[in-house]
Amino acid sequence: MDKIMDKIMSEAQRQGRLSFYMVSQGEEAIMIGSAAALGPKDIITCQYRETGVFLQRGFTLEDFMCQLAANKNDRGKSRNMPCHYSGRAKTGVHAVASTLGTQIPHATGAAYALKIADKESGTDSPRVAVAYFGDGAASEGDFHGALNLAATRDCPVIFICRNNGYDISTPTSEQYRGDGIASRGIGYGIETLRVDGTDIFAVYEATKEARRPALENGGRPILLEMMSYRMSHHSTSDDSFAYRNSKDLEPWTVRDNPIVKLGKWLKNKRLWDDEMEQETRAQIRKDILSTLKAAELEKKPRLSSIFEDVYGSLSQEQQVQREEMRRLMTEYPAEYDVDAHEGGISGL
């Protein structure tokens, strides 16, 4: 579904129906394979390209479209950018943030909390925390602080780095001189494994095996470097052909594409064929288009929701801001699409 949704949403952005979109073409095996190997109560922190993780953890097509359309049913109350999904209560995945690398120490902190809580409860089903991030985020200070703390405190956390070759427009050849990201884990005394990120079975097995030692003897961190290639532009705001040759994509499109590789394996096992693929693609496309259209027709969240979930109760400053917002919208109705929001001005 990822690939089809990426294409449709990218087109929708060009049509002005979305303000922004980020694709994950070339990295589908990393998302689906790793998430499938995790426990149902494990805690996950993501970057912004982990659509497949949310999908594997129970996010529905309606959940995706409501967030992208920023309507009243968006779990994040339409406060965040498109593709910055939120669904911890449902999926165990914390809300996505644009700030690069901040989710890495969050996972370390969550792992330390899980370690303490699970030890106190004496549970037979201990949990791990998992952080997803790109090779560029591994250049942030948050990465180093998170790994060092996880190592010294023996936190049950799995760090999954998607090394897709680019940090926006900067290739890995200009990002570091060492041997990728894996060598950094070893430097911190963290057990590390480099994995073929285009092979969904290798990703699944590596993540499954990483989870086991991460929970042994009270827990310890594990670093997985998933090697892949970002076949798409960084986002709909990027033109990657300004800094790379289109011919660079050819082997990744034909030979090393994770979807193509899985398709060949399934067809060889006679579990899949061209007819099934065409029918499935057609149905997925139809479902995405209809769900997006329905999401676009829904109202935006109540205007008052912008002030909620910030503090336990409205602060005096927030109350003043809300009244000023009401005054401006009432005085200049032509400047604000108040009717697009649930409850209109009364919802404020």
C-alpha atoms as a PDB file:
ATOM      1  CA  MET A   1       0.000   0.000   0.000  1.00  0.00           C
ATOM      2  CA  ASP A   2       2.882   2.358   0.787  1.00  0.00           C
ATOM      3  CA  LYS A   3       4.014   2.781  -2.819  1.00  0.00           C
ATOM      4  CA  ILE A   4       0.521   3.396  -4.183  1.00  0.00           C
ATOM      5  CA  MET A   5      -0.349   5.828  -1.402  1.00  0.00           C
ATOM      6  CA  ASP A   6       2.927   7.667  -1.951  1.00  0.00           C
ATOM      7  CA  LYS A   7       2.107   8.230  -5.622  1.00  0.00           C
ATOM      8  CA  ILE A   8      -1.460   9.343  -5.010  1.00  0.00           C
ATOM      9  CA  MET A   9      -0.569  11.651  -2.131  1.00  0.00           C
ATOM     10  CA  SER A  10       2.309  13.211  -4.059  1.00  0.00           C
ATOM     11  CA  GLU A  11      -0.124  13.969  -6.878  1.00  0.00           C
ATOM     12  CA  ALA A  12      -2.647  15.328  -4.380  1.00  0.00           C
ATOM     13  CA  GLN A  13       0.012  17.682  -3.033  1.00  0.00           C
ATOM     14  CA  ARG A  14       0.710  18.959  -6.540  1.00  0.00           C
ATOM     15  CA  GLN A  15      -3.033  19.556  -6.928  1.00  0.00           C
ATOM     16  CA  GLY A  16      -3.075  21.686  -3.783  1.00  0.00           C
ATOM     17  CA  ARG A  17      -5.091  19.192  -1.755  1.00  0.00           C
ATOM     18  CA  LEU A  18      -2.195  18.621   0.687  1.00  0.00           C
ATOM     19  CA  SER A  19       0.410  21.086   1.809  1.00  0.00           C
ATOM     20  CA  PHE A  20       3.232  18.556   2.054  1.00  0.00           C
ATOM     21  CA  TYR A  21       4.026  14.855   1.779  1.00  0.00           C
ATOM     22  CA  MET A  22       6.955  12.507   2.412  1.00  0.00           C
ATOM     23  CA  VAL A  23       7.347   9.212   0.590  1.00  0.00           C
ATOM     24  CA  SER A  24       9.099   6.000   1.640  1.00  0.00           C
ATOM     25  CA  GLN A  25       9.773   4.315  -1.684  1.00  0.00           C
ATOM     26  CA  GLY A  26      12.746   1.981  -1.404  1.00  0.00           C
ATOM     27  CA  GLU A  27      12.399   1.582   2.356  1.00  0.00           C
ATOM     28  CA  GLU A  28       9.168  -0.399   2.605  1.00  0.00           C
ATOM     29  CA  ALA A  29      10.877  -3.620   3.694  1.00  0.00           C
ATOM     30  CA  ILE A  30      12.531  -1.861   6.629  1.00  0.00           C
ATOM     31  CA  MET A  31       9.243  -0.526   7.960  1.00  0.00           C
ATOM     32  CA  ILE A  32       7.013  -3.558   7.519  1.00  0.00           C
ATOM     33  CA  GLY A  33       9.626  -6.195   8.294  1.00  0.00           C
ATOM     34  CA  SER A  34      10.912  -4.620  11.493  1.00  0.00           C
ATOM     35  CA  ALA A  35       7.512  -3.610  12.890  1.00  0.00           C
ATOM     36  CA  ALA A  36       6.196  -7.135  12.298  1.00  0.00           C
ATOM     37  CA  ALA A  37       8.933  -8.528  14.544  1.00  0.00           C
ATOM     38  CA  LEU A  38       8.136  -6.309  17.527  1.00  0.00           C
ATOM     39  CA  GLY A  39       5.906  -7.069  20.505  1.00  0.00           C
ATOM     40  CA  PRO A  40       2.390  -5.559  20.611  1.00  0.00           C
ATOM     41  CA  LYS A  41       3.215  -3.473  23.692  1.00  0.00           C
ATOM     42  CA  ASP A  42       6.654  -2.289  22.640  1.00  0.00           C
ATOM     43  CA  ILE A  43       7.042   1.495  22.513  1.00  0.00           C
ATOM     44  CA  ILE A  44       8.080   3.087  19.227  1.00  0.00           C
ATOM     45  CA  THR A  45       9.378   6.539  18.324  1.00  0.00           C
ATOM     46  CA  CYS A  46       9.620   7.424  14.627  1.00  0.00           C
ATOM     47  CA  GLN A  47      11.012  10.063  12.349  1.00  0.00           C
ATOM     48  CA  TYR A  48       8.694  10.936   9.433  1.00  0.00           C
ATOM     49  CA  ARG A  49       9.153   8.215   6.817  1.00  0.00           C
ATOM     50  CA  GLU A  50       7.753   5.294   8.800  1.00  0.00           C
ATOM     51  CA  THR A  51       4.324   4.987   7.185  1.00  0.00           C
ATOM     52  CA  GLY A  52       4.787   1.214   7.051  1.00  0.00           C
ATOM     53  CA  VAL A  53       5.419   1.049  10.799  1.00  0.00           C
ATOM     54  CA  PHE A  54       2.112   2.765  11.538  1.00  0.00           C
ATOM     55  CA  LEU A  55       0.393   0.508   8.998  1.00  0.00           C
ATOM     56  CA  GLN A  56       1.839  -2.649  10.538  1.00  0.00           C
ATOM     57  CA  ARG A  57       0.886  -1.473  14.030  1.00  0.00           C
ATOM     58  CA  GLY A  58      -2.791  -1.008  13.211  1.00  0.00           C
ATOM     59  CA  PHE A  59      -3.137   2.463  11.701  1.00  0.00           C
ATOM     60  CA  THR A  60      -6.019   2.289   9.214  1.00  0.00           C
ATOM     61  CA  LEU A  61      -6.402   3.935   5.841  1.00  0.00           C
ATOM     62  CA  GLU A  62      -8.951   6.271   7.419  1.00  0.00           C
ATOM     63  CA  ASP A  63      -6.414   7.208  10.117  1.00  0.00           C
ATOM     64  CA  PHE A  64      -3.851   8.133   7.453  1.00  0.00           C
ATOM     65  CA  MET A  65      -6.252  10.154   5.326  1.00  0.00           C
ATOM     66  CA  CYS A  66      -7.745  12.052   8.280  1.00  0.00           C
ATOM     67  CA  GLN A  67      -4.276  13.130   9.364  1.00  0.00           C
ATOM     68  CA  LEU A  68      -3.262  14.149   5.850  1.00  0.00           C
ATOM     69  CA  ALA A  69      -6.527  16.061   5.355  1.00  0.00           C
ATOM     70  CA  ALA A  70      -6.162  17.609   8.845  1.00  0.00           C
ATOM     71  CA  ASN A  71      -9.806  17.039   9.746  1.00  0.00           C
ATOM     72  CA  LYS A  72     -11.601  16.644  13.080  1.00  0.00           C
ATOM     73  CA  ASN A  73     -10.870  12.898  13.189  1.00  0.00           C
ATOM     74  CA  ASP A  74      -7.107  13.362  13.103  1.00  0.00           C
ATOM     75  CA  ARG A  75      -5.696  11.986  16.365  1.00  0.00           C
ATOM     76  CA  GLY A  76      -3.265  14.893  16.447  1.00  0.00           C
ATOM     77  CA  LYS A  77      -6.108  17.434  16.117  1.00  0.00           C
ATOM     78  CA  SER A  78      -4.603  18.623  12.799  1.00  0.00           C
ATOM     79  CA  ARG A  79      -1.802  20.459  14.604  1.00  0.00           C
ATOM     80  CA  ASN A  80       1.053  18.646  12.939  1.00  0.00           C
ATOM     81  CA  MET A  81       2.430  18.537   9.418  1.00  0.00           C
ATOM     82  CA  PRO A  82       1.176  15.874   6.978  1.00  0.00           C
ATOM     83  CA  CYS A  83       2.880  12.474   7.494  1.00  0.00           C
ATOM     84  CA  HIS A  84       3.580  13.371  11.121  1.00  0.00           C
ATOM     85  CA  TYR A  85       1.174  10.773  12.424  1.00  0.00           C
ATOM     86  CA  SER A  86       0.049  10.293  16.001  1.00  0.00           C
ATOM     87  CA  GLY A  87      -1.403   7.136  17.465  1.00  0.00           C
ATOM     88  CA  ARG A  88       0.280   6.028  20.683  1.00  0.00           C
ATOM     89  CA  ALA A  89      -2.925   4.883  22.394  1.00  0.00           C
ATOM     90  CA  LYS A  90      -3.809   2.707  19.423  1.00  0.00           C
ATOM     91  CA  THR A  91      -0.465   1.615  18.016  1.00  0.00           C
ATOM     92  CA  GLY A  92       2.164   2.199  20.697  1.00  0.00           C
ATOM     93  CA  VAL A  93       3.865   4.660  18.337  1.00  0.00           C
ATOM     94  CA  HIS A  94       4.511   8.150  19.678  1.00  0.00           C
ATOM     95  CA  ALA A  95       3.628  11.226  17.628  1.00  0.00           C
ATOM     96  CA  VAL A  96       6.087  12.114  14.872  1.00  0.00           C
ATOM     97  CA  ALA A  97       7.960  15.426  15.074  1.00  0.00           C
ATOM     98  CA  SER A  98       9.953  17.212  12.368  1.00  0.00           C
ATOM     99  CA  THR A  99      12.864  18.080  14.643  1.00  0.00           C
ATOM    100  CA  LEU A 100      15.649  15.788  13.551  1.00  0.00           C
ATOM    101  CA  GLY A 101      16.866  13.174  16.015  1.00  0.00           C
ATOM    102  CA  THR A 102      14.753  14.095  19.036  1.00  0.00           C
ATOM    103  CA  GLN A 103      12.942  10.755  18.977  1.00  0.00           C
ATOM    104  CA  ILE A 104      16.197   8.859  19.653  1.00  0.00           C
ATOM    105  CA  PRO A 105      16.719   9.964  23.288  1.00  0.00           C
ATOM    106  CA  HIS A 106      12.959   9.670  23.758  1.00  0.00           C
ATOM    107  CA  ALA A 107      13.280   5.952  23.012  1.00  0.00           C
ATOM    108  CA  THR A 108      16.179   5.612  25.437  1.00  0.00           C
ATOM    109  CA  GLY A 109      14.155   7.318  28.157  1.00  0.00           C
ATOM    110  CA  ALA A 110      11.121   5.153  27.402  1.00  0.00           C
ATOM    111  CA  ALA A 111      13.295   2.023  27.535  1.00  0.00           C
ATOM    112  CA  TYR A 112      14.696   3.000  30.929  1.00  0.00           C
ATOM    113  CA  ALA A 113      11.160   3.587  32.226  1.00  0.00           C
ATOM    114  CA  LEU A 114      10.011   0.235  30.831  1.00  0.00           C
ATOM    115  CA  LYS A 115      12.947  -1.503  32.472  1.00  0.00           C
ATOM    116  CA  ILE A 116      12.058  -0.093  35.876  1.00  0.00           C
ATOM    117  CA  ALA A 117       8.304  -0.668  35.502  1.00  0.00           C
ATOM    118  CA  ASP A 118       8.644  -4.228  34.208  1.00  0.00           C
ATOM    119  CA  LYS A 119      11.104  -5.116  36.972  1.00  0.00           C
ATOM    120  CA  GLU A 120       8.789  -3.768  39.659  1.00  0.00           C
ATOM    121  CA  SER A 121       5.758  -5.560  38.238  1.00  0.00           C
ATOM    122  CA  GLY A 122       7.630  -8.827  37.689  1.00  0.00           C
ATOM    123  CA  THR A 123       5.965  -9.255  34.319  1.00  0.00           C
ATOM    124  CA  ASP A 124       6.606 -12.293  32.137  1.00  0.00           C
ATOM    125  CA  SER A 125       6.249 -10.089  29.055  1.00  0.00           C
ATOM    126  CA  PRO A 126       8.925  -7.374  29.244  1.00  0.00           C
ATOM    127  CA  ARG A 127       8.934  -4.654  26.616  1.00  0.00           C
ATOM    128  CA  VAL A 128      11.478  -2.816  24.519  1.00  0.00           C
ATOM    129  CA  ALA A 129      11.544   0.673  23.076  1.00  0.00           C
ATOM    130  CA  VAL A 130      12.461   1.185  19.418  1.00  0.00           C
ATOM    131  CA  ALA A 131      13.745   4.314  17.702  1.00  0.00           C
ATOM    132  CA  TYR A 132      13.627   4.750  13.920  1.00  0.00           C
ATOM    133  CA  PHE A 133      15.833   7.391  12.313  1.00  0.00           C
ATOM    134  CA  GLY A 134      17.824   8.128   9.188  1.00  0.00           C
ATOM    135  CA  ASP A 135      21.545   8.324   8.556  1.00  0.00           C
ATOM    136  CA  GLY A 136      21.358  12.104   8.700  1.00  0.00           C
ATOM    137  CA  ALA A 137      19.802  12.061  12.179  1.00  0.00           C
ATOM    138  CA  ALA A 138      22.775   9.975  13.330  1.00  0.00           C
ATOM    139  CA  SER A 139      24.887  13.114  12.882  1.00  0.00           C
ATOM    140  CA  GLU A 140      22.845  14.935  15.516  1.00  0.00           C
ATOM    141  CA  GLY A 141      24.025  15.213  19.109  1.00  0.00           C
ATOM    142  CA  ASP A 142      20.816  13.506  20.270  1.00  0.00           C
ATOM    143  CA  PHE A 143      21.989  10.282  18.626  1.00  0.00           C
ATOM    144  CA  HIS A 144      25.254  10.161  20.559  1.00  0.00           C
ATOM    145  CA  GLY A 145      23.740  11.124  23.886  1.00  0.00           C
ATOM    146  CA  ALA A 146      20.973   8.545  23.492  1.00  0.00           C
ATOM    147  CA  LEU A 147      23.364   5.699  22.650  1.00  0.00           C
ATOM    148  CA  ASN A 148      25.754   6.506  25.456  1.00  0.00           C
ATOM    149  CA  LEU A 149      22.994   6.688  28.067  1.00  0.00           C
ATOM    150  CA  ALA A 150      21.392   3.488  26.757  1.00  0.00           C
ATOM    151  CA  ALA A 151      24.729   1.682  26.952  1.00  0.00           C
ATOM    152  CA  THR A 152      25.659   2.836  30.429  1.00  0.00           C
ATOM    153  CA  ARG A 153      22.178   2.167  31.849  1.00  0.00           C
ATOM    154  CA  ASP A 154      21.600  -1.097  29.971  1.00  0.00           C
ATOM    155  CA  CYS A 155      18.342   0.130  28.485  1.00  0.00           C
ATOM    156  CA  PRO A 156      16.225  -2.359  26.493  1.00  0.00           C
ATOM    157  CA  VAL A 157      16.124  -0.293  23.323  1.00  0.00           C
ATOM    158  CA  ILE A 158      16.609  -1.117  19.648  1.00  0.00           C
ATOM    159  CA  PHE A 159      17.994   1.678  17.497  1.00  0.00           C
ATOM    160  CA  ILE A 160      17.000   1.186  13.855  1.00  0.00           C
ATOM    161  CA  CYS A 161      18.887   3.404  11.431  1.00  0.00           C
ATOM    162  CA  ARG A 162      17.566   3.652   7.890  1.00  0.00           C
ATOM    163  CA  ASN A 163      20.748   4.332   5.955  1.00  0.00           C
ATOM    164  CA  ASN A 164      19.197   5.314   2.628  1.00  0.00           C
ATOM    165  CA  GLY A 165      22.216   7.144   1.255  1.00  0.00           C
ATOM    166  CA  TYR A 166      21.015  10.722   1.693  1.00  0.00           C
ATOM    167  CA  ASP A 167      20.363  13.324   4.354  1.00  0.00           C
ATOM    168  CA  ILE A 168      18.008  15.465   2.259  1.00  0.00           C
ATOM    169  CA  SER A 169      20.486  16.581  -0.437  1.00  0.00           C
ATOM    170  CA  THR A 170      23.688  15.482   1.288  1.00  0.00           C
ATOM    171  CA  PRO A 171      24.981  12.020   0.307  1.00  0.00           C
ATOM    172  CA  THR A 172      26.526   9.786   2.938  1.00  0.00           C
ATOM    173  CA  SER A 173      29.907  10.232   1.258  1.00  0.00           C
ATOM    174  CA  GLU A 174      29.840  13.825   2.522  1.00  0.00           C
ATOM    175  CA  GLN A 175      28.268  13.029   5.894  1.00  0.00           C
ATOM    176  CA  TYR A 176      30.974  10.860   7.437  1.00  0.00           C
ATOM    177  CA  ARG A 177      34.346   9.238   6.803  1.00  0.00           C
ATOM    178  CA  GLY A 178      33.838   6.204   9.036  1.00  0.00           C
ATOM    179  CA  ASP A 179      32.226   2.889   8.154  1.00  0.00           C
ATOM    180  CA  GLY A 180      28.603   3.946   8.182  1.00  0.00           C
ATOM    181  CA  ILE A 181      26.526   4.095  11.336  1.00  0.00           C
ATOM    182  CA  ALA A 182      27.260   0.582  12.617  1.00  0.00           C
ATOM    183  CA  SER A 183      30.790   1.463  13.697  1.00  0.00           C
ATOM    184  CA  ARG A 184      29.411   4.139  16.004  1.00  0.00           C
ATOM    185  CA  GLY A 185      27.383   1.600  17.943  1.00  0.00           C
ATOM    186  CA  ILE A 186      30.469  -0.527  18.471  1.00  0.00           C
ATOM    187  CA  GLY A 187      32.298   2.533  19.758  1.00  0.00           C
ATOM    188  CA  TYR A 188      29.688   2.931  22.477  1.00  0.00           C
ATOM    189  CA  GLY A 189      29.907  -0.738  23.422  1.00  0.00           C
ATOM    190  CA  ILE A 190      26.568  -1.536  21.808  1.00  0.00           C
ATOM    191  CA  GLU A 191      25.964  -4.809  19.993  1.00  0.00           C
ATOM    192  CA  THR A 192      25.463  -3.874  16.343  1.00  0.00           C
ATOM    193  CA  LEU A 193      24.312  -5.533  13.135  1.00  0.00           C
ATOM    194  CA  ARG A 194      24.226  -4.259   9.560  1.00  0.00           C
ATOM    195  CA  VAL A 195      21.280  -5.583   7.545  1.00  0.00           C
ATOM    196  CA  ASP A 196      20.156  -5.637   3.903  1.00  0.00           C
ATOM    197  CA  GLY A 197      17.216  -3.242   4.210  1.00  0.00           C
ATOM    198  CA  THR A 198      15.779  -4.273   0.851  1.00  0.00           C
ATOM    199  CA  ASP A 199      15.172  -7.856   2.046  1.00  0.00           C
ATOM    200  CA  ILE A 200      12.028  -7.966   4.184  1.00  0.00           C
ATOM    201  CA  PHE A 201      12.903 -11.425   5.559  1.00  0.00           C
ATOM    202  CA  ALA A 202      16.398 -10.320   6.596  1.00  0.00           C
ATOM    203  CA  VAL A 203      14.913  -7.247   8.278  1.00  0.00           C
ATOM    204  CA  TYR A 204      12.315  -9.320  10.119  1.00  0.00           C
ATOM    205  CA  GLU A 205      14.823 -11.899  11.356  1.00  0.00           C
ATOM    206  CA  ALA A 206      17.364  -9.259  12.381  1.00  0.00           C
ATOM    207  CA  THR A 207      14.781  -7.292  14.369  1.00  0.00           C
ATOM    208  CA  LYS A 208      13.360 -10.435  15.958  1.00  0.00           C
ATOM    209  CA  GLU A 209      16.830 -11.557  17.019  1.00  0.00           C
ATOM    210  CA  ALA A 210      17.729  -8.062  18.243  1.00  0.00           C
ATOM    211  CA  ARG A 211      14.677  -7.950  20.500  1.00  0.00           C
ATOM    212  CA  ARG A 212      15.735 -11.139  22.301  1.00  0.00           C
ATOM    213  CA  PRO A 213      19.139  -9.928  23.610  1.00  0.00           C
ATOM    214  CA  ALA A 214      17.696  -6.454  24.193  1.00  0.00           C
ATOM    215  CA  LEU A 215      15.580  -8.049  26.948  1.00  0.00           C
ATOM    216  CA  GLU A 216      18.102 -10.522  28.373  1.00  0.00           C
ATOM    217  CA  ASN A 217      19.513 -10.036  31.882  1.00  0.00           C
ATOM    218  CA  GLY A 218      17.571  -6.871  32.524  1.00  0.00           C
ATOM    219  CA  GLY A 219      18.106  -5.442  29.060  1.00  0.00           C
ATOM    220  CA  ARG A 220      20.690  -3.807  26.857  1.00  0.00           C
ATOM    221  CA  PRO A 221      20.680  -1.663  23.687  1.00  0.00           C
ATOM    222  CA  ILE A 222      21.064  -3.003  20.147  1.00  0.00           C
ATOM    223  CA  LEU A 223      21.813  -0.996  17.005  1.00  0.00           C
ATOM    224  CA  LEU A 224      20.586  -2.149  13.580  1.00  0.00           C
ATOM    225  CA  GLU A 225      21.814  -0.343  10.477  1.00  0.00           C
ATOM    226  CA  MET A 226      19.391  -1.080   7.641  1.00  0.00           C
ATOM    227  CA  MET A 227      21.043  -0.441   4.277  1.00  0.00           C
ATOM    228  CA  SER A 228      18.676   0.826   1.588  1.00  0.00           C
ATOM    229  CA  TYR A 229      18.328   3.624  -0.944  1.00  0.00           C
ATOM    230  CA  ARG A 230      15.972   6.587  -1.004  1.00  0.00           C
ATOM    231  CA  MET A 231      14.434   6.120  -4.424  1.00  0.00           C
ATOM    232  CA  SER A 232      12.207   9.167  -4.116  1.00  0.00           C
ATOM    233  CA  HIS A 233      12.709  12.849  -3.539  1.00  0.00           C
ATOM    234  CA  HIS A 234      13.230  13.751   0.109  1.00  0.00           C
ATOM    235  CA  SER A 235       9.730  15.243   0.147  1.00  0.00           C
ATOM    236  CA  THR A 236       7.339  17.061  -2.171  1.00  0.00           C
ATOM    237  CA  SER A 237       9.420  20.185  -1.442  1.00  0.00           C
ATOM    238  CA  ASP A 238      12.536  18.583  -2.926  1.00  0.00           C
ATOM    239  CA  ASP A 239      13.867  17.873  -6.428  1.00  0.00           C
ATOM    240  CA  SER A 240      16.502  15.189  -5.915  1.00  0.00           C
ATOM    241  CA  PHE A 241      17.612  15.325  -9.548  1.00  0.00           C
ATOM    242  CA  ALA A 242      19.254  18.627  -8.735  1.00  0.00           C
ATOM    243  CA  TYR A 243      21.896  16.716  -6.767  1.00  0.00           C
ATOM    244  CA  ARG A 244      21.870  13.158  -8.184  1.00  0.00           C
ATOM    245  CA  ASN A 245      21.665  11.516 -11.590  1.00  0.00           C
ATOM    246  CA  SER A 246      18.410   9.818 -12.534  1.00  0.00           C
ATOM    247  CA  LYS A 247      20.469   6.838 -13.750  1.00  0.00           C
ATOM    248  CA  ASP A 248      21.464   6.188 -10.139  1.00  0.00           C
ATOM    249  CA  LEU A 249      17.923   4.940  -9.557  1.00  0.00           C
ATOM    250  CA  GLU A 250      17.976   2.235 -12.232  1.00  0.00           C
ATOM    251  CA  PRO A 251      19.451  -0.685 -10.231  1.00  0.00           C
ATOM    252  CA  TRP A 252      17.247   0.159  -7.254  1.00  0.00           C
ATOM    253  CA  THR A 253      14.152   0.225  -9.424  1.00  0.00           C
ATOM    254  CA  VAL A 254      14.782  -3.054 -11.249  1.00  0.00           C
ATOM    255  CA  ARG A 255      17.060  -5.217  -9.100  1.00  0.00           C
ATOM    256  CA  ASP A 256      17.177  -3.946  -5.518  1.00  0.00           C
ATOM    257  CA  ASN A 257      13.641  -2.674  -5.096  1.00  0.00           C
ATOM    258  CA  PRO A 258      12.239  -4.353  -1.944  1.00  0.00           C
ATOM    259  CA  ILE A 259       8.747  -4.745  -3.407  1.00  0.00           C
ATOM    260  CA  VAL A 260      10.073  -6.241  -6.641  1.00  0.00           C
ATOM    261  CA  LYS A 261      12.319  -8.634  -4.699  1.00  0.00           C
ATOM    262  CA  LEU A 262       9.463  -9.809  -2.482  1.00  0.00           C
ATOM    263  CA  GLY A 263       7.181 -10.146  -5.503  1.00  0.00           C
ATOM    264  CA  LYS A 264       9.681 -12.374  -7.289  1.00  0.00           C
ATOM    265  CA  TRP A 265      10.027 -14.582  -4.211  1.00  0.00           C
ATOM    266  CA  LEU A 266       6.259 -14.934  -3.814  1.00  0.00           C
ATOM    267  CA  LYS A 267       5.787 -15.723  -7.490  1.00  0.00           C
ATOM    268  CA  ASN A 268       8.572 -18.305  -7.357  1.00  0.00           C
ATOM    269  CA  LYS A 269       6.730 -19.953  -4.453  1.00  0.00           C
ATOM    270  CA  ARG A 270       3.501 -19.702  -6.462  1.00  0.00           C
ATOM    271  CA  LEU A 271       1.908 -17.601  -3.751  1.00  0.00           C
ATOM    272  CA  TRP A 272       1.427 -14.589  -6.011  1.00  0.00           C
ATOM    273  CA  ASP A 273       0.943 -13.834  -9.705  1.00  0.00           C
ATOM    274  CA  ASP A 274       0.531 -10.880 -12.063  1.00  0.00           C
ATOM    275  CA  GLU A 275      -3.252 -11.070 -12.045  1.00  0.00           C
ATOM    276  CA  MET A 276      -3.402 -10.952  -8.250  1.00  0.00           C
ATOM    277  CA  GLU A 277      -0.997  -8.026  -8.253  1.00  0.00           C
ATOM    278  CA  GLN A 278      -3.042  -6.014 -10.764  1.00  0.00           C
ATOM    279  CA  GLU A 279      -6.288  -6.665  -8.893  1.00  0.00           C
ATOM    280  CA  THR A 280      -4.738  -5.766  -5.537  1.00  0.00           C
ATOM    281  CA  ARG A 281      -3.162  -2.572  -6.840  1.00  0.00           C
ATOM    282  CA  ALA A 282      -6.437  -1.496  -8.433  1.00  0.00           C
ATOM    283  CA  GLN A 283      -8.383  -2.132  -5.231  1.00  0.00           C
ATOM    284  CA  ILE A 284      -5.845  -0.332  -3.032  1.00  0.00           C
ATOM    285  CA  ARG A 285      -5.866   2.672  -5.355  1.00  0.00           C
ATOM    286  CA  LYS A 286      -9.653   2.757  -5.329  1.00  0.00           C
ATOM    287  CA  ASP A 287      -9.771   2.527  -1.522  1.00  0.00           C
ATOM    288  CA  ILE A 288      -7.197   5.294  -1.051  1.00  0.00           C
ATOM    289  CA  LEU A 289      -8.952   7.693  -3.416  1.00  0.00           C
ATOM    290  CA  SER A 290     -12.382   7.129  -1.880  1.00  0.00           C
ATOM    291  CA  THR A 291     -11.057   7.417   1.689  1.00  0.00           C
ATOM    292  CA  LEU A 292      -9.160  10.611   0.870  1.00  0.00           C
ATOM    293  CA  LYS A 293     -12.250  12.132  -0.708  1.00  0.00           C
ATOM    294  CA  ALA A 294     -14.327  11.277   2.370  1.00  0.00           C
ATOM    295  CA  ALA A 295     -11.658  12.724   4.682  1.00  0.00           C
ATOM    296  CA  GLU A 296     -11.581  15.974   2.720  1.00  0.00           C
ATOM    297  CA  LEU A 297     -15.332  16.417   3.251  1.00  0.00           C
ATOM    298  CA  GLU A 298     -15.026  16.215   7.039  1.00  0.00           C
ATOM    299  CA  LYS A 299     -14.907  19.384   9.131  1.00  0.00           C
ATOM    300  CA  LYS A 300     -11.710  20.669  10.723  1.00  0.00           C
ATOM    301  CA  PRO A 301     -11.327  20.288  14.512  1.00  0.00           C
ATOM    302  CA  ARG A 302     -13.063  22.700  16.889  1.00  0.00           C
ATOM    303  CA  LEU A 303     -11.255  26.011  16.996  1.00  0.00           C
ATOM    304  CA  SER A 304     -10.864  25.707  20.767  1.00  0.00           C
ATOM    305  CA  SER A 305      -8.823  22.515  20.346  1.00  0.00           C
ATOM    306  CA  ILE A 306      -5.758  24.591  19.543  1.00  0.00           C
ATOM    307  CA  PHE A 307      -5.588  25.525  23.232  1.00  0.00           C
ATOM    308  CA  GLU A 308      -6.216  22.036  24.597  1.00  0.00           C
ATOM    309  CA  ASP A 309      -3.651  19.481  25.789  1.00  0.00           C
ATOM    310  CA  VAL A 310      -1.026  22.147  26.402  1.00  0.00           C
ATOM    311  CA  TYR A 311      -1.511  22.521  30.157  1.00  0.00           C
ATOM    312  CA  GLY A 312      -3.735  20.707  32.617  1.00  0.00           C
ATOM    313  CA  SER A 313      -6.100  23.680  32.475  1.00  0.00           C
ATOM    314  CA  LEU A 314      -6.207  26.870  30.448  1.00  0.00           C
ATOM    315  CA  SER A 315      -3.676  29.409  31.656  1.00  0.00           C
ATOM    316  CA  GLN A 316      -4.563  33.059  32.019  1.00  0.00           C
ATOM    317  CA  GLU A 317      -2.441  33.824  28.983  1.00  0.00           C
ATOM    318  CA  GLN A 318      -4.292  31.216  26.916  1.00  0.00           C
ATOM    319  CA  GLN A 319      -7.646  32.629  27.955  1.00  0.00           C
ATOM    320  CA  VAL A 320      -6.582  36.074  26.764  1.00  0.00           C
ATOM    321  CA  GLN A 321      -5.338  34.602  23.486  1.00  0.00           C
ATOM    322  CA  ARG A 322      -8.592  32.711  22.941  1.00  0.00           C
ATOM    323  CA  GLU A 323     -10.680  35.841  23.493  1.00  0.00           C
ATOM    324  CA  GLU A 324      -8.476  37.799  21.107  1.00  0.00           C
ATOM    325  CA  MET A 325      -8.821  35.042  18.530  1.00  0.00           C
ATOM    326  CA  ARG A 326     -12.608  35.136  18.902  1.00  0.00           C
ATOM    327  CA  ARG A 327     -12.636  38.922  18.520  1.00  0.00           C
ATOM    328  CA  LEU A 328     -10.588  38.879  15.341  1.00  0.00           C
ATOM    329  CA  MET A 329     -12.659  36.150  13.727  1.00  0.00           C
ATOM    330  CA  THR A 330     -15.878  37.929  14.610  1.00  0.00           C
ATOM    331  CA  GLU A 331     -14.644  41.312  13.402  1.00  0.00           C
ATOM    332  CA  TYR A 332     -13.112  40.034  10.162  1.00  0.00           C
ATOM    333  CA  PRO A 333     -15.223  37.017   9.106  1.00  0.00           C
ATOM    334  CA  ALA A 334     -14.107  37.188   5.469  1.00  0.00           C
ATOM    335  CA  GLU A 335     -10.515  36.539   6.510  1.00  0.00           C
ATOM    336  CA  TYR A 336     -11.225  33.263   8.331  1.00  0.00           C
ATOM    337  CA  ASP A 337     -12.920  30.083   7.098  1.00  0.00           C
ATOM    338  CA  VAL A 338     -14.710  29.600  10.387  1.00  0.00           C
ATOM    339  CA  ASP A 339     -17.445  27.401   8.898  1.00  0.00           C
ATOM    340  CA  ALA A 340     -14.867  24.785   7.906  1.00  0.00           C
ATOM    341  CA  HIS A 341     -14.361  23.987  11.598  1.00  0.00           C
ATOM    342  CA  GLU A 342     -16.596  21.820  13.724  1.00  0.00           C
ATOM    343  CA  GLY A 343     -18.980  24.045  15.690  1.00  0.00           C
ATOM    344  CA  GLY A 344     -17.970  27.203  13.834  1.00  0.00           C
ATOM    345  CA  ILE A 345     -17.204  30.260  15.950  1.00  0.00           C
ATOM    346  CA  SER A 346     -19.208  28.779  18.819  1.00  0.00           C
ATOM    347  CA  GLY A 347     -16.633  25.973  18.940  1.00  0.00           C
ATOM    348  CA  LEU A 348     -14.117  28.503  20.154  1.00  0.00           C
END
